[in-house]
Amino acid sequence: MVLAVSAGVLTAFKVLHILSAVYFGVGVVLATIFTLQVPNTPTLPAKAKVMARSGRAALTILVPGALLAGIFGFVLAFMEFSHPFAQKWILFSTILFVISFVLGAASGPLNARTRRLVEAEARSPKPSRAAYQAADSLRPIILAGINLAIAVALVYLMFAQPN
């Protein structure tokens, strides 16, 4: 089912989709940069600040950008194609988007819990070794890397539209 819309409306949705995808991409890059900085930050209070910046980038840029890009992309697919999921690039983009969304939904609360632990320990006179280990864990770096790779793949699929 192709939604019957004027060319102006279609163009507006394309622009909104691209802008929200760029916003999402900026959030992914910022969150990844901050996540990569945490293990190289020397003190626990400084690690907590960098982790807080990463969380803010995720909550204020990455998540809204992902939601808007997904919504606009889904609407656009039905505006332009009668069977959008017959287009392999749309199907693959949707699968990647869902994987990224699930990873973010799973890792967000875990990262927030780790950040709260590090912040609490940073205020104590003698921070525990567990707080340093939690802050320097490779899990957030791996998940950020996966999300970055997915974002790059989504950009490629959006522009190349291979079939």
N, C-alpha and C. Protein backbone atom coordinates (compact mmCIF):
# COMPACT_ATOMS: atom_id res chain seq x y z
N MET A 1 0.83 -1.16 0.00
CA MET A 1 0.00 0.00 0.00
C MET A 1 0.89 1.24 0.00
N VAL A 2 0.82 2.01 -1.03
CA VAL A 2 1.56 3.27 -1.11
C VAL A 2 0.64 4.37 -0.61
N LEU A 3 1.14 5.16 0.33
CA LEU A 3 0.36 6.28 0.82
C LEU A 3 0.35 7.37 -0.24
N ALA A 4 -0.82 7.87 -0.59
CA ALA A 4 -0.94 8.91 -1.60
C ALA A 4 -0.66 10.26 -0.94
N VAL A 5 0.47 10.84 -1.32
CA VAL A 5 0.85 12.14 -0.78
C VAL A 5 1.44 12.99 -1.89
N SER A 6 1.44 14.28 -1.66
CA SER A 6 2.02 15.17 -2.66
C SER A 6 3.54 15.10 -2.61
N ALA A 7 4.17 15.59 -3.66
CA ALA A 7 5.62 15.59 -3.74
C ALA A 7 6.23 16.45 -2.63
N GLY A 8 5.56 17.52 -2.25
CA GLY A 8 6.05 18.39 -1.18
C GLY A 8 6.08 17.68 0.16
N VAL A 9 5.03 16.93 0.45
CA VAL A 9 4.97 16.18 1.71
C VAL A 9 6.05 15.10 1.72
N LEU A 10 6.22 14.41 0.59
CA LEU A 10 7.25 13.38 0.49
C LEU A 10 8.64 13.99 0.71
N THR A 11 8.89 15.13 0.10
CA THR A 11 10.17 15.81 0.27
C THR A 11 10.37 16.23 1.72
N ALA A 12 9.33 16.73 2.35
CA ALA A 12 9.42 17.15 3.76
C ALA A 12 9.77 15.95 4.64
N PHE A 13 9.15 14.81 4.41
CA PHE A 13 9.46 13.63 5.20
C PHE A 13 10.89 13.14 4.94
N LYS A 14 11.35 13.25 3.70
CA LYS A 14 12.73 12.86 3.40
C LYS A 14 13.72 13.76 4.15
N VAL A 15 13.46 15.06 4.14
CA VAL A 15 14.33 16.00 4.84
C VAL A 15 14.32 15.71 6.35
N LEU A 16 13.14 15.50 6.92
CA LEU A 16 13.03 15.19 8.34
C LEU A 16 13.74 13.88 8.68
N HIS A 17 13.61 12.89 7.81
CA HIS A 17 14.29 11.61 8.03
C HIS A 17 15.81 11.79 8.00
N ILE A 18 16.30 12.53 7.04
CA ILE A 18 17.75 12.74 6.93
C ILE A 18 18.27 13.53 8.12
N LEU A 19 17.56 14.60 8.50
CA LEU A 19 17.99 15.40 9.66
C LEU A 19 17.98 14.58 10.95
N SER A 20 16.95 13.77 11.13
CA SER A 20 16.91 12.96 12.35
C SER A 20 17.96 11.85 12.31
N ALA A 21 18.26 11.33 11.13
CA ALA A 21 19.33 10.33 11.00
C ALA A 21 20.70 10.95 11.31
N VAL A 22 20.91 12.18 10.86
CA VAL A 22 22.16 12.88 11.18
C VAL A 22 22.25 13.12 12.69
N TYR A 23 21.14 13.55 13.29
CA TYR A 23 21.10 13.77 14.74
C TYR A 23 21.43 12.47 15.49
N PHE A 24 20.85 11.37 15.04
CA PHE A 24 21.13 10.05 15.60
C PHE A 24 22.61 9.72 15.46
N GLY A 25 23.15 9.95 14.26
CA GLY A 25 24.56 9.65 14.00
C GLY A 25 25.50 10.46 14.90
N VAL A 26 25.17 11.73 15.09
CA VAL A 26 25.97 12.57 15.99
C VAL A 26 25.93 12.00 17.41
N GLY A 27 24.76 11.57 17.85
CA GLY A 27 24.64 10.97 19.17
C GLY A 27 25.45 9.70 19.32
N VAL A 28 25.43 8.86 18.29
CA VAL A 28 26.22 7.62 18.32
C VAL A 28 27.70 7.94 18.42
N VAL A 29 28.16 8.89 17.61
CA VAL A 29 29.58 9.25 17.61
C VAL A 29 29.99 9.85 18.96
N LEU A 30 29.20 10.79 19.48
CA LEU A 30 29.53 11.40 20.77
C LEU A 30 29.53 10.37 21.90
N ALA A 31 28.51 9.52 21.96
CA ALA A 31 28.46 8.50 23.02
C ALA A 31 29.65 7.55 22.90
N THR A 32 30.03 7.22 21.68
CA THR A 32 31.18 6.33 21.48
C THR A 32 32.48 7.00 21.92
N ILE A 33 32.66 8.26 21.56
CA ILE A 33 33.87 8.99 21.97
C ILE A 33 33.97 9.05 23.49
N PHE A 34 32.87 9.42 24.15
CA PHE A 34 32.90 9.49 25.61
C PHE A 34 33.16 8.11 26.23
N THR A 35 32.53 7.08 25.68
CA THR A 35 32.73 5.73 26.20
C THR A 35 34.18 5.29 26.06
N LEU A 36 34.81 5.65 24.94
CA LEU A 36 36.22 5.30 24.75
C LEU A 36 37.14 6.07 25.68
N GLN A 37 36.72 7.23 26.15
CA GLN A 37 37.55 8.04 27.05
C GLN A 37 37.58 7.50 28.48
N VAL A 38 36.55 6.79 28.89
CA VAL A 38 36.43 6.38 30.30
C VAL A 38 37.64 5.57 30.78
N PRO A 39 38.08 4.51 30.08
CA PRO A 39 39.22 3.75 30.61
C PRO A 39 40.52 4.56 30.67
N ASN A 40 40.66 5.59 29.85
CA ASN A 40 41.88 6.40 29.83
C ASN A 40 41.82 7.59 30.78
N THR A 41 40.72 7.74 31.48
CA THR A 41 40.57 8.83 32.44
C THR A 41 41.14 8.35 33.77
N PRO A 42 42.06 9.13 34.38
CA PRO A 42 42.81 8.60 35.52
C PRO A 42 42.04 8.45 36.84
N THR A 43 41.20 9.39 37.21
CA THR A 43 40.57 9.34 38.53
C THR A 43 39.11 8.90 38.42
N LEU A 44 38.61 8.35 39.50
CA LEU A 44 37.23 7.89 39.52
C LEU A 44 36.23 9.05 39.37
N PRO A 45 36.43 10.20 40.02
CA PRO A 45 35.50 11.31 39.80
C PRO A 45 35.48 11.77 38.34
N ALA A 46 36.65 11.78 37.71
CA ALA A 46 36.71 12.18 36.29
C ALA A 46 36.02 11.13 35.42
N LYS A 47 36.19 9.85 35.76
CA LYS A 47 35.51 8.79 35.01
C LYS A 47 33.99 8.96 35.11
N ALA A 48 33.52 9.31 36.31
CA ALA A 48 32.08 9.51 36.52
C ALA A 48 31.56 10.66 35.66
N LYS A 49 32.35 11.74 35.54
CA LYS A 49 31.93 12.87 34.71
C LYS A 49 31.86 12.49 33.24
N VAL A 50 32.84 11.73 32.76
CA VAL A 50 32.84 11.31 31.36
C VAL A 50 31.67 10.36 31.11
N MET A 51 31.42 9.46 32.06
CA MET A 51 30.29 8.54 31.91
C MET A 51 28.96 9.31 31.89
N ALA A 52 28.87 10.36 32.69
CA ALA A 52 27.65 11.18 32.71
C ALA A 52 27.47 11.88 31.36
N ARG A 53 28.56 12.36 30.78
CA ARG A 53 28.46 12.99 29.45
C ARG A 53 27.99 11.99 28.40
N SER A 54 28.51 10.78 28.47
CA SER A 54 28.08 9.75 27.53
C SER A 54 26.60 9.46 27.69
N GLY A 55 26.15 9.36 28.94
CA GLY A 55 24.73 9.12 29.19
C GLY A 55 23.85 10.25 28.69
N ARG A 56 24.31 11.50 28.90
CA ARG A 56 23.54 12.66 28.41
C ARG A 56 23.47 12.67 26.89
N ALA A 57 24.59 12.34 26.23
CA ALA A 57 24.58 12.28 24.76
C ALA A 57 23.60 11.22 24.28
N ALA A 58 23.57 10.09 24.96
CA ALA A 58 22.65 9.02 24.57
C ALA A 58 21.20 9.45 24.77
N LEU A 59 20.91 10.05 25.92
CA LEU A 59 19.52 10.40 26.23
C LEU A 59 19.00 11.61 25.46
N THR A 60 19.86 12.57 25.16
CA THR A 60 19.37 13.79 24.53
C THR A 60 19.57 13.83 23.02
N ILE A 61 20.47 13.01 22.50
CA ILE A 61 20.74 13.04 21.06
C ILE A 61 20.47 11.68 20.42
N LEU A 62 21.12 10.64 20.90
CA LEU A 62 21.04 9.33 20.27
C LEU A 62 19.62 8.76 20.28
N VAL A 63 19.01 8.69 21.44
CA VAL A 63 17.67 8.08 21.55
C VAL A 63 16.61 8.86 20.76
N PRO A 64 16.49 10.19 20.95
CA PRO A 64 15.49 10.90 20.15
C PRO A 64 15.78 10.82 18.65
N GLY A 65 17.05 10.91 18.27
CA GLY A 65 17.39 10.81 16.86
C GLY A 65 17.03 9.45 16.28
N ALA A 66 17.28 8.40 17.04
CA ALA A 66 16.95 7.05 16.58
C ALA A 66 15.44 6.88 16.42
N LEU A 67 14.70 7.34 17.41
CA LEU A 67 13.24 7.21 17.33
C LEU A 67 12.66 7.99 16.15
N LEU A 68 13.11 9.24 16.01
CA LEU A 68 12.59 10.05 14.90
C LEU A 68 13.01 9.49 13.54
N ALA A 69 14.27 9.08 13.41
CA ALA A 69 14.73 8.51 12.14
C ALA A 69 13.96 7.24 11.81
N GLY A 70 13.71 6.42 12.82
CA GLY A 70 12.95 5.19 12.60
C GLY A 70 11.51 5.47 12.18
N ILE A 71 10.88 6.40 12.85
CA ILE A 71 9.49 6.74 12.52
C ILE A 71 9.39 7.33 11.12
N PHE A 72 10.24 8.34 10.85
CA PHE A 72 10.19 8.95 9.53
C PHE A 72 10.58 7.97 8.43
N GLY A 73 11.55 7.11 8.70
CA GLY A 73 11.96 6.10 7.71
C GLY A 73 10.84 5.12 7.42
N PHE A 74 10.16 4.69 8.46
CA PHE A 74 9.05 3.75 8.29
C PHE A 74 7.92 4.38 7.48
N VAL A 75 7.58 5.61 7.80
CA VAL A 75 6.52 6.31 7.06
C VAL A 75 6.94 6.51 5.61
N LEU A 76 8.20 6.91 5.41
CA LEU A 76 8.70 7.11 4.04
C LEU A 76 8.64 5.83 3.21
N ALA A 77 8.98 4.72 3.84
CA ALA A 77 8.97 3.43 3.12
C ALA A 77 7.58 3.15 2.57
N PHE A 78 6.57 3.46 3.36
CA PHE A 78 5.20 3.21 2.90
C PHE A 78 4.69 4.29 1.96
N MET A 79 5.33 5.45 1.96
CA MET A 79 4.95 6.49 1.01
C MET A 79 5.51 6.19 -0.38
N GLU A 80 6.68 5.58 -0.43
CA GLU A 80 7.36 5.41 -1.71
C GLU A 80 7.18 4.04 -2.35
N PHE A 81 6.92 3.01 -1.55
CA PHE A 81 6.89 1.65 -2.09
C PHE A 81 5.59 0.96 -1.71
N SER A 82 5.04 0.19 -2.64
CA SER A 82 3.80 -0.53 -2.33
C SER A 82 4.09 -1.71 -1.39
N HIS A 83 5.25 -2.32 -1.53
CA HIS A 83 5.68 -3.41 -0.63
C HIS A 83 7.09 -3.07 -0.16
N PRO A 84 7.22 -2.19 0.83
CA PRO A 84 8.55 -1.69 1.21
C PRO A 84 9.51 -2.78 1.66
N PHE A 85 9.01 -3.83 2.31
CA PHE A 85 9.92 -4.84 2.82
C PHE A 85 10.34 -5.83 1.74
N ALA A 86 9.80 -5.67 0.53
CA ALA A 86 10.31 -6.43 -0.61
C ALA A 86 11.64 -5.83 -1.07
N GLN A 87 11.87 -4.58 -0.71
CA GLN A 87 13.15 -3.93 -0.98
C GLN A 87 14.13 -4.46 0.08
N LYS A 88 15.15 -5.17 -0.35
CA LYS A 88 16.05 -5.80 0.61
C LYS A 88 16.76 -4.78 1.49
N TRP A 89 17.08 -3.63 0.95
CA TRP A 89 17.79 -2.64 1.76
C TRP A 89 16.90 -2.09 2.87
N ILE A 90 15.59 -1.98 2.62
CA ILE A 90 14.67 -1.52 3.66
C ILE A 90 14.52 -2.60 4.73
N LEU A 91 14.40 -3.83 4.31
CA LEU A 91 14.29 -4.94 5.26
C LEU A 91 15.55 -5.03 6.12
N PHE A 92 16.72 -4.97 5.50
CA PHE A 92 17.97 -5.06 6.24
C PHE A 92 18.14 -3.85 7.15
N SER A 93 17.76 -2.66 6.67
CA SER A 93 17.83 -1.46 7.52
C SER A 93 16.93 -1.60 8.74
N THR A 94 15.75 -2.13 8.55
CA THR A 94 14.82 -2.33 9.65
C THR A 94 15.38 -3.31 10.67
N ILE A 95 15.96 -4.39 10.18
CA ILE A 95 16.57 -5.38 11.09
C ILE A 95 17.71 -4.76 11.88
N LEU A 96 18.58 -4.00 11.20
CA LEU A 96 19.69 -3.34 11.89
C LEU A 96 19.18 -2.33 12.91
N PHE A 97 18.15 -1.58 12.54
CA PHE A 97 17.57 -0.60 13.44
C PHE A 97 17.03 -1.28 14.70
N VAL A 98 16.33 -2.38 14.53
CA VAL A 98 15.77 -3.10 15.68
C VAL A 98 16.90 -3.65 16.56
N ILE A 99 17.96 -4.19 15.95
CA ILE A 99 19.10 -4.68 16.73
C ILE A 99 19.73 -3.55 17.53
N SER A 100 19.93 -2.41 16.88
CA SER A 100 20.51 -1.26 17.56
C SER A 100 19.61 -0.78 18.69
N PHE A 101 18.32 -0.76 18.45
CA PHE A 101 17.36 -0.32 19.46
C PHE A 101 17.38 -1.27 20.66
N VAL A 102 17.40 -2.57 20.40
CA VAL A 102 17.42 -3.56 21.49
C VAL A 102 18.73 -3.46 22.28
N LEU A 103 19.86 -3.31 21.57
CA LEU A 103 21.14 -3.14 22.26
C LEU A 103 21.13 -1.89 23.15
N GLY A 104 20.60 -0.80 22.62
CA GLY A 104 20.53 0.43 23.40
C GLY A 104 19.60 0.29 24.59
N ALA A 105 18.47 -0.37 24.38
CA ALA A 105 17.52 -0.56 25.48
C ALA A 105 18.10 -1.46 26.56
N ALA A 106 18.93 -2.42 26.18
CA ALA A 106 19.54 -3.32 27.16
C ALA A 106 20.74 -2.68 27.84
N SER A 107 21.55 -1.96 27.08
CA SER A 107 22.79 -1.42 27.65
C SER A 107 22.56 -0.11 28.41
N GLY A 108 21.55 0.64 28.06
CA GLY A 108 21.29 1.92 28.73
C GLY A 108 21.14 1.79 30.24
N PRO A 109 20.24 0.92 30.72
CA PRO A 109 20.10 0.76 32.17
C PRO A 109 21.37 0.21 32.84
N LEU A 110 22.07 -0.70 32.15
CA LEU A 110 23.31 -1.24 32.72
C LEU A 110 24.37 -0.15 32.84
N ASN A 111 24.49 0.68 31.82
CA ASN A 111 25.46 1.78 31.87
C ASN A 111 25.08 2.79 32.95
N ALA A 112 23.79 3.06 33.09
CA ALA A 112 23.34 4.01 34.12
C ALA A 112 23.65 3.46 35.52
N ARG A 113 23.42 2.17 35.72
CA ARG A 113 23.72 1.55 37.02
C ARG A 113 25.22 1.62 37.32
N THR A 114 26.05 1.35 36.31
CA THR A 114 27.50 1.43 36.49
C THR A 114 27.91 2.87 36.79
N ARG A 115 27.32 3.82 36.07
CA ARG A 115 27.64 5.23 36.31
C ARG A 115 27.28 5.64 37.74
N ARG A 116 26.11 5.22 38.22
CA ARG A 116 25.70 5.55 39.59
C ARG A 116 26.66 4.94 40.61
N LEU A 117 27.11 3.71 40.38
CA LEU A 117 28.08 3.06 41.26
C LEU A 117 29.38 3.85 41.29
N VAL A 118 29.86 4.23 40.11
CA VAL A 118 31.12 4.97 40.01
C VAL A 118 30.97 6.34 40.68
N GLU A 119 29.84 7.02 40.46
CA GLU A 119 29.62 8.33 41.09
C GLU A 119 29.58 8.20 42.62
N ALA A 120 28.91 7.17 43.12
CA ALA A 120 28.84 6.97 44.58
C ALA A 120 30.21 6.65 45.16
N GLU A 121 30.94 5.80 44.49
CA GLU A 121 32.28 5.43 44.98
C GLU A 121 33.26 6.59 44.85
N ALA A 122 33.06 7.44 43.86
CA ALA A 122 33.96 8.58 43.66
C ALA A 122 33.86 9.56 44.83
N ARG A 123 32.70 9.60 45.49
CA ARG A 123 32.51 10.49 46.63
C ARG A 123 33.06 9.91 47.93
N SER A 124 33.31 8.61 47.94
CA SER A 124 33.80 7.99 49.18
C SER A 124 35.30 8.25 49.34
N PRO A 125 35.79 8.24 50.59
CA PRO A 125 37.21 8.54 50.82
C PRO A 125 38.15 7.49 50.22
N LYS A 126 37.70 6.24 50.20
CA LYS A 126 38.54 5.17 49.62
C LYS A 126 37.68 4.36 48.66
N PRO A 127 37.69 4.75 47.36
CA PRO A 127 36.86 4.03 46.37
C PRO A 127 37.28 2.56 46.27
N SER A 128 36.31 1.72 46.03
CA SER A 128 36.57 0.29 45.92
C SER A 128 37.20 -0.06 44.58
N ARG A 129 37.85 -1.18 44.58
CA ARG A 129 38.47 -1.70 43.35
C ARG A 129 37.37 -2.08 42.35
N ALA A 130 36.23 -2.52 42.86
CA ALA A 130 35.11 -2.91 42.00
C ALA A 130 34.62 -1.73 41.17
N ALA A 131 34.65 -0.53 41.75
CA ALA A 131 34.20 0.66 41.01
C ALA A 131 35.14 0.93 39.84
N TYR A 132 36.44 0.80 40.07
CA TYR A 132 37.41 1.00 38.98
C TYR A 132 37.22 -0.08 37.90
N GLN A 133 37.00 -1.32 38.34
CA GLN A 133 36.78 -2.40 37.37
C GLN A 133 35.51 -2.18 36.56
N ALA A 134 34.46 -1.73 37.23
CA ALA A 134 33.20 -1.46 36.52
C ALA A 134 33.38 -0.33 35.52
N ALA A 135 34.08 0.73 35.92
CA ALA A 135 34.29 1.87 35.04
C ALA A 135 35.15 1.51 33.84
N ASP A 136 36.10 0.61 34.03
CA ASP A 136 37.03 0.24 32.96
C ASP A 136 36.60 -1.01 32.19
N SER A 137 35.37 -1.45 32.39
CA SER A 137 34.86 -2.64 31.70
C SER A 137 34.87 -2.44 30.18
N LEU A 138 35.11 -3.53 29.47
CA LEU A 138 35.10 -3.48 28.00
C LEU A 138 33.69 -3.56 27.42
N ARG A 139 32.72 -4.01 28.22
CA ARG A 139 31.36 -4.20 27.71
C ARG A 139 30.78 -2.94 27.08
N PRO A 140 30.85 -1.77 27.74
CA PRO A 140 30.30 -0.57 27.09
C PRO A 140 31.04 -0.20 25.81
N ILE A 141 32.33 -0.44 25.78
CA ILE A 141 33.11 -0.12 24.57
C ILE A 141 32.68 -1.03 23.42
N ILE A 142 32.50 -2.30 23.71
CA ILE A 142 32.07 -3.26 22.68
C ILE A 142 30.68 -2.89 22.16
N LEU A 143 29.76 -2.60 23.07
CA LEU A 143 28.39 -2.24 22.65
C LEU A 143 28.38 -0.93 21.87
N ALA A 144 29.18 0.05 22.29
CA ALA A 144 29.27 1.31 21.56
C ALA A 144 29.85 1.07 20.16
N GLY A 145 30.83 0.19 20.07
CA GLY A 145 31.42 -0.14 18.77
C GLY A 145 30.41 -0.82 17.84
N ILE A 146 29.62 -1.72 18.40
CA ILE A 146 28.58 -2.38 17.60
C ILE A 146 27.56 -1.37 17.12
N ASN A 147 27.13 -0.48 18.01
CA ASN A 147 26.15 0.54 17.61
C ASN A 147 26.73 1.49 16.57
N LEU A 148 28.00 1.83 16.69
CA LEU A 148 28.65 2.68 15.69
C LEU A 148 28.69 1.97 14.33
N ALA A 149 29.04 0.69 14.34
CA ALA A 149 29.08 -0.09 13.09
C ALA A 149 27.68 -0.17 12.46
N ILE A 150 26.67 -0.36 13.29
CA ILE A 150 25.29 -0.40 12.78
C ILE A 150 24.90 0.95 12.20
N ALA A 151 25.26 2.04 12.86
CA ALA A 151 24.94 3.38 12.34
C ALA A 151 25.61 3.62 11.00
N VAL A 152 26.85 3.19 10.86
CA VAL A 152 27.56 3.34 9.58
C VAL A 152 26.87 2.49 8.50
N ALA A 153 26.48 1.27 8.85
CA ALA A 153 25.78 0.41 7.88
C ALA A 153 24.44 1.02 7.48
N LEU A 154 23.73 1.62 8.44
CA LEU A 154 22.45 2.25 8.11
C LEU A 154 22.63 3.44 7.17
N VAL A 155 23.67 4.22 7.40
CA VAL A 155 23.95 5.35 6.51
C VAL A 155 24.25 4.83 5.10
N TYR A 156 25.07 3.79 5.02
CA TYR A 156 25.38 3.21 3.71
C TYR A 156 24.11 2.73 3.01
N LEU A 157 23.28 1.99 3.73
CA LEU A 157 22.05 1.47 3.11
C LEU A 157 21.11 2.59 2.69
N MET A 158 21.06 3.66 3.50
CA MET A 158 20.16 4.78 3.18
C MET A 158 20.58 5.47 1.89
N PHE A 159 21.89 5.63 1.69
CA PHE A 159 22.35 6.35 0.52
C PHE A 159 22.52 5.45 -0.70
N ALA A 160 23.05 4.26 -0.52
CA ALA A 160 23.31 3.37 -1.66
C ALA A 160 22.04 2.64 -2.12
N GLN A 161 21.16 2.33 -1.20
CA GLN A 161 19.92 1.59 -1.48
C GLN A 161 20.17 0.39 -2.40
N PRO A 162 21.10 -0.49 -2.01
CA PRO A 162 21.36 -1.67 -2.84
C PRO A 162 20.19 -2.65 -2.79
N ASN A 163 19.99 -3.38 -3.86
CA ASN A 163 18.89 -4.34 -3.84
C ASN A 163 19.32 -5.68 -4.25
